[in-house]
């Protein structure tokens, strides 16, 4: 329990230092907002196929493609990976 508390405390101290401008020793990860329709089109899938392959509803995909909603969380990461290595990811997901 004490190790957990110390780890959380250290993490919070690092966040405060980062917010105050101390960026040394910090690794920051940024996710870009992918163009979902462009990714799907480049892969050559229709909306039904793509939604099914990445495990989302067709309606969700349509919202993303129209810009009415934005992908978040793990699916945002997945879309960024698909954008960078579409053949590899689609091969893995199709098995």
PDB file of N, CA and C in Angstrom:
ATOM      1  N   UNK A   1       0.827  -1.190   0.000  1.00  0.00           N
ATOM      2  CA  UNK A   1       0.000   0.000   0.000  1.00  0.00           C
ATOM      3  C   UNK A   1       0.867   1.248   0.000  1.00  0.00           C
ATOM      4  N   UNK A   2       1.926   1.272   0.794  1.00  0.00           N
ATOM      5  CA  UNK A   2       2.791   2.435   0.884  1.00  0.00           C
ATOM      6  C   UNK A   2       3.468   2.719  -0.448  1.00  0.00           C
ATOM      7  N   UNK A   3       3.908   1.660  -1.165  1.00  0.00           N
ATOM      8  CA  UNK A   3       4.543   1.849  -2.466  1.00  0.00           C
ATOM      9  C   UNK A   3       3.570   2.467  -3.465  1.00  0.00           C
ATOM     10  N   UNK A   4       2.327   2.048  -3.409  1.00  0.00           N
ATOM     11  CA  UNK A   4       1.310   2.596  -4.297  1.00  0.00           C
ATOM     12  C   UNK A   4       1.120   4.076  -4.020  1.00  0.00           C
ATOM     13  N   UNK A   5       0.999   4.428  -2.765  1.00  0.00           N
ATOM     14  CA  UNK A   5       0.829   5.828  -2.394  1.00  0.00           C
ATOM     15  C   UNK A   5       2.020   6.664  -2.851  1.00  0.00           C
ATOM     16  N   UNK A   6       3.228   6.163  -2.617  1.00  0.00           N
ATOM     17  CA  UNK A   6       4.436   6.888  -3.009  1.00  0.00           C
ATOM     18  C   UNK A   6       4.486   7.092  -4.524  1.00  0.00           C
ATOM     19  N   UNK A   7       4.084   6.081  -5.266  1.00  0.00           N
ATOM     20  CA  UNK A   7       4.075   6.173  -6.726  1.00  0.00           C
ATOM     21  C   UNK A   7       3.077   7.220  -7.216  1.00  0.00           C
ATOM     22  N   UNK A   8       1.888   7.211  -6.623  1.00  0.00           N
ATOM     23  CA  UNK A   8       0.857   8.198  -6.987  1.00  0.00           C
ATOM     24  C   UNK A   8       1.324   9.597  -6.615  1.00  0.00           C
ATOM     25  N   UNK A   9       1.903   9.730  -5.434  1.00  0.00           N
ATOM     26  CA  UNK A   9       2.393  11.024  -4.972  1.00  0.00           C
ATOM     27  C   UNK A   9       3.476  11.556  -5.907  1.00  0.00           C
ATOM     28  N   UNK A  10       4.408  10.705  -6.300  1.00  0.00           N
ATOM     29  CA  UNK A  10       5.477  11.118  -7.211  1.00  0.00           C
ATOM     30  C   UNK A  10       4.892  11.549  -8.557  1.00  0.00           C
ATOM     31  N   UNK A  11       3.934  10.782  -9.055  1.00  0.00           N
ATOM     32  CA  UNK A  11       3.292  11.129 -10.314  1.00  0.00           C
ATOM     33  C   UNK A  11       2.605  12.475 -10.259  1.00  0.00           C
ATOM     34  N   UNK A  12       1.914  12.738  -9.174  1.00  0.00           N
ATOM     35  CA  UNK A  12       1.241  14.027  -9.024  1.00  0.00           C
ATOM     36  C   UNK A  12       2.236  15.177  -8.922  1.00  0.00           C
ATOM     37  N   UNK A  13       3.351  14.942  -8.229  1.00  0.00           N
ATOM     38  CA  UNK A  13       4.380  15.969  -8.141  1.00  0.00           C
ATOM     39  C   UNK A  13       4.958  16.274  -9.531  1.00  0.00           C
ATOM     40  N   UNK A  14       5.147  15.233 -10.343  1.00  0.00           N
ATOM     41  CA  UNK A  14       5.660  15.424 -11.697  1.00  0.00           C
ATOM     42  C   UNK A  14       4.672  16.209 -12.558  1.00  0.00           C
ATOM     43  N   UNK A  15       3.379  15.944 -12.377  1.00  0.00           N
ATOM     44  CA  UNK A  15       2.349  16.677 -13.124  1.00  0.00           C
ATOM     45  C   UNK A  15       2.395  18.158 -12.757  1.00  0.00           C
ATOM     46  N   UNK A  16       2.506  18.455 -11.469  1.00  0.00           N
ATOM     47  CA  UNK A  16       2.560  19.850 -11.022  1.00  0.00           C
ATOM     48  C   UNK A  16       3.803  20.535 -11.594  1.00  0.00           C
ATOM     49  N   UNK A  17       4.945  19.863 -11.535  1.00  0.00           N
ATOM     50  CA  UNK A  17       6.170  20.437 -12.082  1.00  0.00           C
ATOM     51  C   UNK A  17       6.032  20.686 -13.588  1.00  0.00           C
ATOM     52  N   UNK A  18       5.442  19.763 -14.295  1.00  0.00           N
ATOM     53  CA  UNK A  18       5.236  19.922 -15.737  1.00  0.00           C
ATOM     54  C   UNK A  18       4.334  21.126 -16.015  1.00  0.00           C
ATOM     55  N   UNK A  19       3.266  21.238 -15.246  1.00  0.00           N
ATOM     56  CA  UNK A  19       2.338  22.363 -15.421  1.00  0.00           C
ATOM     57  C   UNK A  19       3.017  23.696 -15.128  1.00  0.00           C
ATOM     58  N   UNK A  20       4.014  23.668 -14.275  1.00  0.00           N
ATOM     59  CA  UNK A  20       4.749  24.895 -13.931  1.00  0.00           C
ATOM     60  C   UNK A  20       5.882  25.185 -14.917  1.00  0.00           C
ATOM     61  N   UNK A  21       6.042  24.335 -15.908  1.00  0.00           N
ATOM     62  CA  UNK A  21       7.023  24.602 -16.959  1.00  0.00           C
ATOM     63  C   UNK A  21       8.252  23.725 -16.963  1.00  0.00           C
ATOM     64  N   UNK A  22       8.414  22.854 -15.986  1.00  0.00           N
ATOM     65  CA  UNK A  22       9.569  21.951 -15.960  1.00  0.00           C
ATOM     66  C   UNK A  22       9.270  20.756 -16.865  1.00  0.00           C
ATOM     67  N   UNK A  23       9.812  20.782 -18.067  1.00  0.00           N
ATOM     68  CA  UNK A  23       9.512  19.739 -19.042  1.00  0.00           C
ATOM     69  C   UNK A  23      10.662  18.742 -19.201  1.00  0.00           C
ATOM     70  N   UNK A  24      11.698  18.856 -18.374  1.00  0.00           N
ATOM     71  CA  UNK A  24      12.835  17.947 -18.487  1.00  0.00           C
ATOM     72  C   UNK A  24      12.464  16.556 -18.006  1.00  0.00           C
ATOM     73  N   UNK A  25      12.877  15.568 -18.764  1.00  0.00           N
ATOM     74  CA  UNK A  25      12.632  14.183 -18.391  1.00  0.00           C
ATOM     75  C   UNK A  25      11.202  13.720 -18.569  1.00  0.00           C
ATOM     76  N   UNK A  26      10.415  14.481 -19.318  1.00  0.00           N
ATOM     77  CA  UNK A  26       9.005  14.135 -19.496  1.00  0.00           C
ATOM     78  C   UNK A  26       8.774  13.701 -20.939  1.00  0.00           C
ATOM     79  N   UNK A  27       8.036  12.630 -21.100  1.00  0.00           N
ATOM     80  CA  UNK A  27       7.653  12.158 -22.423  1.00  0.00           C
ATOM     81  C   UNK A  27       6.164  12.434 -22.601  1.00  0.00           C
ATOM     82  N   UNK A  28       5.836  13.227 -23.601  1.00  0.00           N
ATOM     83  CA  UNK A  28       4.454  13.608 -23.855  1.00  0.00           C
ATOM     84  C   UNK A  28       3.997  12.924 -25.141  1.00  0.00           C
ATOM     85  N   UNK A  29       2.811  12.332 -25.097  1.00  0.00           N
ATOM     86  CA  UNK A  29       2.248  11.654 -26.262  1.00  0.00           C
ATOM     87  C   UNK A  29       1.033  12.436 -26.739  1.00  0.00           C
ATOM     88  N   UNK A  30       1.003  12.709 -28.029  1.00  0.00           N
ATOM     89  CA  UNK A  30      -0.123  13.412 -28.620  1.00  0.00           C
ATOM     90  C   UNK A  30      -0.797  12.505 -29.632  1.00  0.00           C
ATOM     91  N   UNK A  31      -2.106  12.464 -29.600  1.00  0.00           N
ATOM     92  CA  UNK A  31      -2.869  11.745 -30.616  1.00  0.00           C
ATOM     93  C   UNK A  31      -3.473  12.772 -31.555  1.00  0.00           C
ATOM     94  N   UNK A  32      -3.287  12.539 -32.825  1.00  0.00           N
ATOM     95  CA  UNK A  32      -3.897  13.434 -33.791  1.00  0.00           C
ATOM     96  C   UNK A  32      -5.298  12.929 -34.094  1.00  0.00           C
ATOM     97  N   UNK A  33      -6.146  13.839 -34.523  1.00  0.00           N
ATOM     98  CA  UNK A  33      -7.499  13.442 -34.878  1.00  0.00           C
ATOM     99  C   UNK A  33      -7.472  12.888 -36.300  1.00  0.00           C
ATOM    100  N   UNK A  34      -7.733  11.605 -36.449  1.00  0.00           N
ATOM    101  CA  UNK A  34      -7.629  10.994 -37.778  1.00  0.00           C
ATOM    102  C   UNK A  34      -8.813  11.358 -38.672  1.00  0.00           C
ATOM    103  N   UNK A  35      -8.577  11.350 -39.963  1.00  0.00           N
ATOM    104  CA  UNK A  35      -9.637  11.516 -40.951  1.00  0.00           C
ATOM    105  C   UNK A  35     -10.185  10.119 -41.224  1.00  0.00           C
ATOM    106  N   UNK A  36     -11.229   9.762 -40.510  1.00  0.00           N
ATOM    107  CA  UNK A  36     -11.754   8.392 -40.524  1.00  0.00           C
ATOM    108  C   UNK A  36     -12.186   7.981 -41.930  1.00  0.00           C
ATOM    109  N   UNK A  37     -12.868   8.859 -42.624  1.00  0.00           N
ATOM    110  CA  UNK A  37     -13.330   8.518 -43.969  1.00  0.00           C
ATOM    111  C   UNK A  37     -12.148   8.268 -44.909  1.00  0.00           C
ATOM    112  N   UNK A  38     -11.107   9.090 -44.807  1.00  0.00           N
ATOM    113  CA  UNK A  38      -9.930   8.910 -45.649  1.00  0.00           C
ATOM    114  C   UNK A  38      -9.236   7.580 -45.346  1.00  0.00           C
ATOM    115  N   UNK A  39      -9.166   7.227 -44.074  1.00  0.00           N
ATOM    116  CA  UNK A  39      -8.557   5.948 -43.686  1.00  0.00           C
ATOM    117  C   UNK A  39      -9.356   4.797 -44.272  1.00  0.00           C
ATOM    118  N   UNK A  40     -10.672   4.842 -44.083  1.00  0.00           N
ATOM    119  CA  UNK A  40     -11.539   3.768 -44.578  1.00  0.00           C
ATOM    120  C   UNK A  40     -11.455   3.651 -46.095  1.00  0.00           C
ATOM    121  N   UNK A  41     -11.464   4.786 -46.776  1.00  0.00           N
ATOM    122  CA  UNK A  41     -11.396   4.792 -48.237  1.00  0.00           C
ATOM    123  C   UNK A  41     -10.063   4.235 -48.724  1.00  0.00           C
ATOM    124  N   UNK A  42      -8.979   4.634 -48.070  1.00  0.00           N
ATOM    125  CA  UNK A  42      -7.650   4.146 -48.452  1.00  0.00           C
ATOM    126  C   UNK A  42      -7.539   2.637 -48.297  1.00  0.00           C
ATOM    127  N   UNK A  43      -8.212   2.104 -47.296  1.00  0.00           N
ATOM    128  CA  UNK A  43      -8.190   0.664 -47.070  1.00  0.00           C
ATOM    129  C   UNK A  43      -9.069  -0.065 -48.085  1.00  0.00           C
ATOM    130  N   UNK A  44     -10.057   0.646 -48.616  1.00  0.00           N
ATOM    131  CA  UNK A  44     -10.933   0.049 -49.616  1.00  0.00           C
ATOM    132  C   UNK A  44     -12.115  -0.695 -49.026  1.00  0.00           C
ATOM    133  N   UNK A  45     -12.561  -0.258 -47.859  1.00  0.00           N
ATOM    134  CA  UNK A  45     -13.709  -0.898 -47.226  1.00  0.00           C
ATOM    135  C   UNK A  45     -14.914   0.030 -47.285  1.00  0.00           C
ATOM    136  N   UNK A  46     -16.096  -0.581 -47.342  1.00  0.00           N
ATOM    137  CA  UNK A  46     -17.295   0.235 -47.206  1.00  0.00           C
ATOM    138  C   UNK A  46     -17.540   0.479 -45.717  1.00  0.00           C
ATOM    139  N   UNK A  47     -18.536   1.289 -45.406  1.00  0.00           N
ATOM    140  CA  UNK A  47     -18.786   1.639 -44.008  1.00  0.00           C
ATOM    141  C   UNK A  47     -19.118   0.421 -43.154  1.00  0.00           C
ATOM    142  N   UNK A  48     -19.942  -0.479 -43.673  1.00  0.00           N
ATOM    143  CA  UNK A  48     -20.311  -1.673 -42.899  1.00  0.00           C
ATOM    144  C   UNK A  48     -19.092  -2.521 -42.572  1.00  0.00           C
ATOM    145  N   UNK A  49     -18.252  -2.750 -43.553  1.00  0.00           N
ATOM    146  CA  UNK A  49     -17.062  -3.583 -43.354  1.00  0.00           C
ATOM    147  C   UNK A  49     -16.116  -2.960 -42.334  1.00  0.00           C
ATOM    148  N   UNK A  50     -15.873  -1.664 -42.487  1.00  0.00           N
ATOM    149  CA  UNK A  50     -14.924  -0.994 -41.601  1.00  0.00           C
ATOM    150  C   UNK A  50     -15.436  -0.962 -40.167  1.00  0.00           C
ATOM    151  N   UNK A  51     -16.701  -0.604 -39.991  1.00  0.00           N
ATOM    152  CA  UNK A  51     -17.284  -0.553 -38.642  1.00  0.00           C
ATOM    153  C   UNK A  51     -17.202  -1.923 -37.972  1.00  0.00           C
ATOM    154  N   UNK A  52     -17.544  -2.949 -38.712  1.00  0.00           N
ATOM    155  CA  UNK A  52     -17.504  -4.304 -38.177  1.00  0.00           C
ATOM    156  C   UNK A  52     -16.071  -4.718 -37.821  1.00  0.00           C
ATOM    157  N   UNK A  53     -15.130  -4.372 -38.671  1.00  0.00           N
ATOM    158  CA  UNK A  53     -13.738  -4.770 -38.454  1.00  0.00           C
ATOM    159  C   UNK A  53     -13.148  -4.142 -37.206  1.00  0.00           C
ATOM    160  N   UNK A  54     -13.461  -2.868 -36.948  1.00  0.00           N
ATOM    161  CA  UNK A  54     -12.869  -2.221 -35.769  1.00  0.00           C
ATOM    162  C   UNK A  54     -13.785  -2.274 -34.547  1.00  0.00           C
ATOM    163  N   UNK A  55     -14.943  -2.917 -34.687  1.00  0.00           N
ATOM    164  CA  UNK A  55     -15.802  -3.179 -33.533  1.00  0.00           C
ATOM    165  C   UNK A  55     -16.638  -2.009 -33.058  1.00  0.00           C
ATOM    166  N   UNK A  56     -17.128  -1.218 -34.005  1.00  0.00           N
ATOM    167  CA  UNK A  56     -18.006  -0.107 -33.639  1.00  0.00           C
ATOM    168  C   UNK A  56     -19.309  -0.224 -34.420  1.00  0.00           C
ATOM    169  N   UNK A  57     -20.297   0.559 -34.016  1.00  0.00           N
ATOM    170  CA  UNK A  57     -21.561   0.539 -34.741  1.00  0.00           C
ATOM    171  C   UNK A  57     -21.435   1.356 -36.021  1.00  0.00           C
ATOM    172  N   UNK A  58     -22.249   1.018 -36.993  1.00  0.00           N
ATOM    173  CA  UNK A  58     -22.283   1.748 -38.249  1.00  0.00           C
ATOM    174  C   UNK A  58     -22.641   3.213 -38.001  1.00  0.00           C
ATOM    175  N   UNK A  59     -23.575   3.454 -37.095  1.00  0.00           N
ATOM    176  CA  UNK A  59     -23.992   4.831 -36.792  1.00  0.00           C
ATOM    177  C   UNK A  59     -22.837   5.644 -36.211  1.00  0.00           C
ATOM    178  N   UNK A  60     -22.052   5.033 -35.343  1.00  0.00           N
ATOM    179  CA  UNK A  60     -20.892   5.733 -34.774  1.00  0.00           C
ATOM    180  C   UNK A  60     -19.931   6.136 -35.874  1.00  0.00           C
ATOM    181  N   UNK A  61     -19.656   5.217 -36.792  1.00  0.00           N
ATOM    182  CA  UNK A  61     -18.774   5.519 -37.914  1.00  0.00           C
ATOM    183  C   UNK A  61     -19.324   6.683 -38.737  1.00  0.00           C
ATOM    184  N   UNK A  62     -20.597   6.658 -38.989  1.00  0.00           N
ATOM    185  CA  UNK A  62     -21.208   7.741 -39.767  1.00  0.00           C
ATOM    186  C   UNK A  62     -21.086   9.086 -39.050  1.00  0.00           C
ATOM    187  N   UNK A  63     -21.291   9.099 -37.741  1.00  0.00           N
ATOM    188  CA  UNK A  63     -21.118  10.335 -36.966  1.00  0.00           C
ATOM    189  C   UNK A  63     -19.684  10.859 -37.106  1.00  0.00           C
ATOM    190  N   UNK A  64     -18.703   9.962 -37.002  1.00  0.00           N
ATOM    191  CA  UNK A  64     -17.310  10.372 -37.129  1.00  0.00           C
ATOM    192  C   UNK A  64     -17.039  10.957 -38.503  1.00  0.00           C
ATOM    193  N   UNK A  65     -17.511  10.269 -39.536  1.00  0.00           N
ATOM    194  CA  UNK A  65     -17.235  10.704 -40.895  1.00  0.00           C
ATOM    195  C   UNK A  65     -17.905  12.034 -41.229  1.00  0.00           C
ATOM    196  N   UNK A  66     -19.023  12.317 -40.606  1.00  0.00           N
ATOM    197  CA  UNK A  66     -19.715  13.596 -40.812  1.00  0.00           C
ATOM    198  C   UNK A  66     -19.152  14.692 -39.914  1.00  0.00           C
ATOM    199  N   UNK A  67     -18.288  14.332 -38.973  1.00  0.00           N
ATOM    200  CA  UNK A  67     -17.725  15.306 -38.053  1.00  0.00           C
ATOM    201  C   UNK A  67     -18.643  15.668 -36.904  1.00  0.00           C
ATOM    202  N   UNK A  68     -19.703  14.875 -36.705  1.00  0.00           N
ATOM    203  CA  UNK A  68     -20.648  15.156 -35.622  1.00  0.00           C
ATOM    204  C   UNK A  68     -20.147  14.662 -34.275  1.00  0.00           C
ATOM    205  N   UNK A  69     -19.262  13.707 -34.311  1.00  0.00           N
ATOM    206  CA  UNK A  69     -18.620  13.184 -33.103  1.00  0.00           C
ATOM    207  C   UNK A  69     -17.175  12.880 -33.429  1.00  0.00           C
ATOM    208  N   UNK A  70     -16.373  12.710 -32.376  1.00  0.00           N
ATOM    209  CA  UNK A  70     -14.955  12.407 -32.564  1.00  0.00           C
ATOM    210  C   UNK A  70     -14.608  11.115 -31.835  1.00  0.00           C
ATOM    211  N   UNK A  71     -13.767  10.292 -32.448  1.00  0.00           N
ATOM    212  CA  UNK A  71     -13.326   9.080 -31.751  1.00  0.00           C
ATOM    213  C   UNK A  71     -12.502   9.450 -30.520  1.00  0.00           C
ATOM    214  N   UNK A  72     -12.658   8.656 -29.468  1.00  0.00           N
ATOM    215  CA  UNK A  72     -11.950   8.910 -28.214  1.00  0.00           C
ATOM    216  C   UNK A  72     -11.375   7.600 -27.681  1.00  0.00           C
ATOM    217  N   UNK A  73     -10.447   7.716 -26.782  1.00  0.00           N
ATOM    218  CA  UNK A  73      -9.912   6.581 -26.057  1.00  0.00           C
ATOM    219  C   UNK A  73      -9.208   5.562 -26.940  1.00  0.00           C
ATOM    220  N   UNK A  74      -9.376   4.282 -26.624  1.00  0.00           N
ATOM    221  CA  UNK A  74      -8.659   3.230 -27.343  1.00  0.00           C
ATOM    222  C   UNK A  74      -8.924   3.213 -28.845  1.00  0.00           C
ATOM    223  N   UNK A  75     -10.132   3.547 -29.276  1.00  0.00           N
ATOM    224  CA  UNK A  75     -10.409   3.519 -30.709  1.00  0.00           C
ATOM    225  C   UNK A  75      -9.675   4.656 -31.422  1.00  0.00           C
ATOM    226  N   UNK A  76      -9.416   5.754 -30.747  1.00  0.00           N
ATOM    227  CA  UNK A  76      -8.619   6.831 -31.324  1.00  0.00           C
ATOM    228  C   UNK A  76      -7.194   6.334 -31.572  1.00  0.00           C
ATOM    229  N   UNK A  77      -6.661   5.611 -30.606  1.00  0.00           N
ATOM    230  CA  UNK A  77      -5.324   5.034 -30.763  1.00  0.00           C
ATOM    231  C   UNK A  77      -5.328   4.044 -31.923  1.00  0.00           C
ATOM    232  N   UNK A  78      -6.333   3.176 -31.968  1.00  0.00           N
ATOM    233  CA  UNK A  78      -6.439   2.190 -33.043  1.00  0.00           C
ATOM    234  C   UNK A  78      -6.483   2.872 -34.408  1.00  0.00           C
ATOM    235  N   UNK A  79      -7.269   3.913 -34.548  1.00  0.00           N
ATOM    236  CA  UNK A  79      -7.371   4.618 -35.823  1.00  0.00           C
ATOM    237  C   UNK A  79      -6.044   5.255 -36.221  1.00  0.00           C
ATOM    238  N   UNK A  80      -5.326   5.811 -35.261  1.00  0.00           N
ATOM    239  CA  UNK A  80      -4.009   6.374 -35.564  1.00  0.00           C
ATOM    240  C   UNK A  80      -3.024   5.293 -36.006  1.00  0.00           C
ATOM    241  N   UNK A  81      -3.122   4.116 -35.408  1.00  0.00           N
ATOM    242  CA  UNK A  81      -2.255   3.005 -35.811  1.00  0.00           C
ATOM    243  C   UNK A  81      -2.641   2.533 -37.208  1.00  0.00           C
ATOM    244  N   UNK A  82      -3.936   2.394 -37.468  1.00  0.00           N
ATOM    245  CA  UNK A  82      -4.393   1.986 -38.799  1.00  0.00           C
ATOM    246  C   UNK A  82      -3.912   2.980 -39.848  1.00  0.00           C
ATOM    247  N   UNK A  83      -3.943   4.262 -39.514  1.00  0.00           N
ATOM    248  CA  UNK A  83      -3.507   5.290 -40.453  1.00  0.00           C
ATOM    249  C   UNK A  83      -2.037   5.125 -40.827  1.00  0.00           C
ATOM    250  N   UNK A  84      -1.222   4.683 -39.870  1.00  0.00           N
ATOM    251  CA  UNK A  84       0.210   4.554 -40.102  1.00  0.00           C
ATOM    252  C   UNK A  84       0.609   3.204 -40.691  1.00  0.00           C
ATOM    253  N   UNK A  85      -0.127   2.150 -40.367  1.00  0.00           N
ATOM    254  CA  UNK A  85       0.216   0.800 -40.854  1.00  0.00           C
ATOM    255  C   UNK A  85      -1.057   0.036 -41.212  1.00  0.00           C
ATOM    256  N   UNK A  86      -1.801   0.510 -42.208  1.00  0.00           N
ATOM    257  CA  UNK A  86      -3.107  -0.087 -42.503  1.00  0.00           C
ATOM    258  C   UNK A  86      -3.058  -1.575 -42.873  1.00  0.00           C
ATOM    259  N   UNK A  87      -2.101  -1.954 -43.699  1.00  0.00           N
ATOM    260  CA  UNK A  87      -2.046  -3.351 -44.129  1.00  0.00           C
ATOM    261  C   UNK A  87      -1.797  -4.292 -42.955  1.00  0.00           C
ATOM    262  N   UNK A  88      -0.868  -3.924 -42.104  1.00  0.00           N
ATOM    263  CA  UNK A  88      -0.534  -4.754 -40.945  1.00  0.00           C
ATOM    264  C   UNK A  88      -1.725  -4.896 -40.003  1.00  0.00           C
ATOM    265  N   UNK A  89      -2.339  -3.774 -39.669  1.00  0.00           N
ATOM    266  CA  UNK A  89      -3.454  -3.796 -38.716  1.00  0.00           C
ATOM    267  C   UNK A  89      -4.657  -4.539 -39.294  1.00  0.00           C
ATOM    268  N   UNK A  90      -4.998  -4.262 -40.539  1.00  0.00           N
ATOM    269  CA  UNK A  90      -6.144  -4.942 -41.142  1.00  0.00           C
ATOM    270  C   UNK A  90      -5.905  -6.435 -41.261  1.00  0.00           C
ATOM    271  N   UNK A  91      -4.666  -6.825 -41.525  1.00  0.00           N
ATOM    272  CA  UNK A  91      -4.330  -8.250 -41.578  1.00  0.00           C
ATOM    273  C   UNK A  91      -4.545  -8.906 -40.209  1.00  0.00           C
ATOM    274  N   UNK A  92      -4.122  -8.228 -39.167  1.00  0.00           N
ATOM    275  CA  UNK A  92      -4.287  -8.751 -37.808  1.00  0.00           C
ATOM    276  C   UNK A  92      -5.770  -8.821 -37.440  1.00  0.00           C
ATOM    277  N   UNK A  93      -6.516  -7.751 -37.725  1.00  0.00           N
ATOM    278  CA  UNK A  93      -7.921  -7.704 -37.349  1.00  0.00           C
ATOM    279  C   UNK A  93      -8.790  -8.679 -38.158  1.00  0.00           C
ATOM    280  N   UNK A  94      -8.354  -9.048 -39.334  1.00  0.00           N
ATOM    281  CA  UNK A  94      -9.170  -9.934 -40.171  1.00  0.00           C
ATOM    282  C   UNK A  94      -8.991 -11.408 -39.806  1.00  0.00           C
ATOM    283  N   UNK A  95      -8.028 -11.725 -38.950  1.00  0.00           N
ATOM    284  CA  UNK A  95      -7.818 -13.131 -38.576  1.00  0.00           C
ATOM    285  C   UNK A  95      -8.566 -13.502 -37.347  1.00  0.00           C
TER     286      UNK A  95
END
